[in-house]
Each structure stands twice: as structure tokens, then as C-alpha cells.
Amino acid sequence: MIRPTFKGQRLVALFMLGCLLFNYPLLTLFASDIRIWGIPLVYVYLYVAWAALISAMALVIERRDQ
């Protein structure tokens, strides 16, 4: 019998977080004329959120369950 782990549940939670981060209402908060180093704020937000999700997934997948 397969022992249930939290890895799958954590990945589903990260998927849901990604859906929330890249959804319409939250993206409109960053859609302004503000620029960081000449890059529009919405692009900075998208790349930072994307990199954070990838890092979090890597941590979940590589973590050993005790």
C-alpha cells in the first residue's frame, strides 16, 4: 500500500498559489506606470513570482520526507 505524503498536497497548494498570483485581480495591482531600473513593475512582478514558484517547487520536490 502506498503511504500518503504531503509532497503532492504541497505541490497542489503551490499550483493554487500560482493560479492566484497570475490571475486578473492581483495583476491589476501591479499594472501601473512605475518602473524599476527601466522595466515596468508588472514585468518585474511576473518574473519574481515565477522564479519564486519554481524555487518553491524545487524545494518541495527535493525535500526528503522523514
C-alpha atoms as a PDB file:
ATOM      1  CA  MET A   1       0.000   0.000   0.000  1.00  0.00           C
ATOM      2  CA  ILE A   2       1.267   3.479  -0.862  1.00  0.00           C
ATOM      3  CA  ARG A   3       1.822   5.686   2.155  1.00  0.00           C
ATOM      4  CA  PRO A   4       0.320   9.156   1.640  1.00  0.00           C
ATOM      5  CA  THR A   5       2.807  12.004   1.763  1.00  0.00           C
ATOM      6  CA  PHE A   6       2.488  15.725   1.968  1.00  0.00           C
ATOM      7  CA  LYS A   7       4.560  16.284  -1.183  1.00  0.00           C
ATOM      8  CA  GLY A   8       1.566  16.001  -3.506  1.00  0.00           C
ATOM      9  CA  GLN A   9      -0.535  18.199  -1.277  1.00  0.00           C
ATOM     10  CA  ARG A  10       2.183  20.844  -1.169  1.00  0.00           C
ATOM     11  CA  LEU A  11       2.521  20.795  -4.959  1.00  0.00           C
ATOM     12  CA  VAL A  12      -1.240  21.233  -5.339  1.00  0.00           C
ATOM     13  CA  ALA A  13      -1.099  24.148  -2.897  1.00  0.00           C
ATOM     14  CA  LEU A  14       1.725  25.717  -4.933  1.00  0.00           C
ATOM     15  CA  PHE A  15      -0.328  25.259  -8.099  1.00  0.00           C
ATOM     16  CA  MET A  16      -3.257  27.035  -6.480  1.00  0.00           C
ATOM     17  CA  LEU A  17      -0.940  29.811  -5.279  1.00  0.00           C
ATOM     18  CA  GLY A  18       0.369  30.182  -8.837  1.00  0.00           C
ATOM     19  CA  CYS A  19      -3.178  30.459 -10.152  1.00  0.00           C
ATOM     20  CA  LEU A  20      -3.836  33.171  -7.607  1.00  0.00           C
ATOM     21  CA  LEU A  21      -0.598  35.062  -8.314  1.00  0.00           C
ATOM     22  CA  PHE A  22      -1.146  35.150 -12.080  1.00  0.00           C
ATOM     23  CA  ASN A  23      -4.866  35.892 -12.012  1.00  0.00           C
ATOM     24  CA  TYR A  24      -6.541  39.118 -13.127  1.00  0.00           C
ATOM     25  CA  PRO A  25      -7.303  40.920  -9.846  1.00  0.00           C
ATOM     26  CA  LEU A  26      -3.785  40.615  -8.459  1.00  0.00           C
ATOM     27  CA  LEU A  27      -2.085  41.513 -11.734  1.00  0.00           C
ATOM     28  CA  THR A  28      -4.002  44.789 -11.930  1.00  0.00           C
ATOM     29  CA  LEU A  29      -2.407  45.899  -8.655  1.00  0.00           C
ATOM     30  CA  PHE A  30       0.968  45.963 -10.418  1.00  0.00           C
ATOM     31  CA  ALA A  31      -0.232  47.391 -13.754  1.00  0.00           C
ATOM     32  CA  SER A  32       0.942  50.958 -13.293  1.00  0.00           C
ATOM     33  CA  ASP A  33       3.462  53.349 -14.806  1.00  0.00           C
ATOM     34  CA  ILE A  34       6.039  52.641 -12.102  1.00  0.00           C
ATOM     35  CA  ARG A  35       9.360  51.375 -13.424  1.00  0.00           C
ATOM     36  CA  ILE A  36      12.188  49.574 -11.670  1.00  0.00           C
ATOM     37  CA  TRP A  37      15.518  50.012 -13.480  1.00  0.00           C
ATOM     38  CA  GLY A  38      13.520  50.959 -16.570  1.00  0.00           C
ATOM     39  CA  ILE A  39      11.358  47.817 -16.500  1.00  0.00           C
ATOM     40  CA  PRO A  40       7.605  48.152 -15.907  1.00  0.00           C
ATOM     41  CA  LEU A  41       6.513  46.951 -12.470  1.00  0.00           C
ATOM     42  CA  VAL A  42       4.138  44.320 -13.841  1.00  0.00           C
ATOM     43  CA  TYR A  43       7.008  42.569 -15.667  1.00  0.00           C
ATOM     44  CA  VAL A  44       9.179  42.626 -12.568  1.00  0.00           C
ATOM     45  CA  TYR A  45       6.302  41.140 -10.567  1.00  0.00           C
ATOM     46  CA  LEU A  46       5.684  38.394 -13.130  1.00  0.00           C
ATOM     47  CA  TYR A  47       9.311  37.272 -13.261  1.00  0.00           C
ATOM     48  CA  VAL A  48       9.813  37.427  -9.486  1.00  0.00           C
ATOM     49  CA  ALA A  49       6.596  35.483  -8.810  1.00  0.00           C
ATOM     50  CA  TRP A  50       7.507  32.937 -11.496  1.00  0.00           C
ATOM     51  CA  ALA A  51      11.007  32.439 -10.065  1.00  0.00           C
ATOM     52  CA  ALA A  52       9.624  32.150  -6.523  1.00  0.00           C
ATOM     53  CA  LEU A  53       7.154  29.452  -7.602  1.00  0.00           C
ATOM     54  CA  ILE A  54       9.875  27.489  -9.383  1.00  0.00           C
ATOM     55  CA  SER A  55      12.118  27.734  -6.321  1.00  0.00           C
ATOM     56  CA  ALA A  56       9.326  26.622  -4.012  1.00  0.00           C
ATOM     57  CA  MET A  57       8.529  23.650  -6.258  1.00  0.00           C
ATOM     58  CA  ALA A  58      12.182  22.653  -6.337  1.00  0.00           C
ATOM     59  CA  LEU A  59      12.318  22.774  -2.539  1.00  0.00           C
ATOM     60  CA  VAL A  60       9.196  20.625  -2.226  1.00  0.00           C
ATOM     61  CA  ILE A  61      10.353  18.066  -4.776  1.00  0.00           C
ATOM     62  CA  GLU A  62      13.923  17.770  -3.473  1.00  0.00           C
ATOM     63  CA  ARG A  63      12.979  17.632   0.201  1.00  0.00           C
ATOM     64  CA  ARG A  64      13.243  14.232   1.835  1.00  0.00           C
ATOM     65  CA  ASP A  65      10.222  13.091   3.787  1.00  0.00           C
ATOM     66  CA  GLN A  66      11.007  11.648   7.195  1.00  0.00           C
END
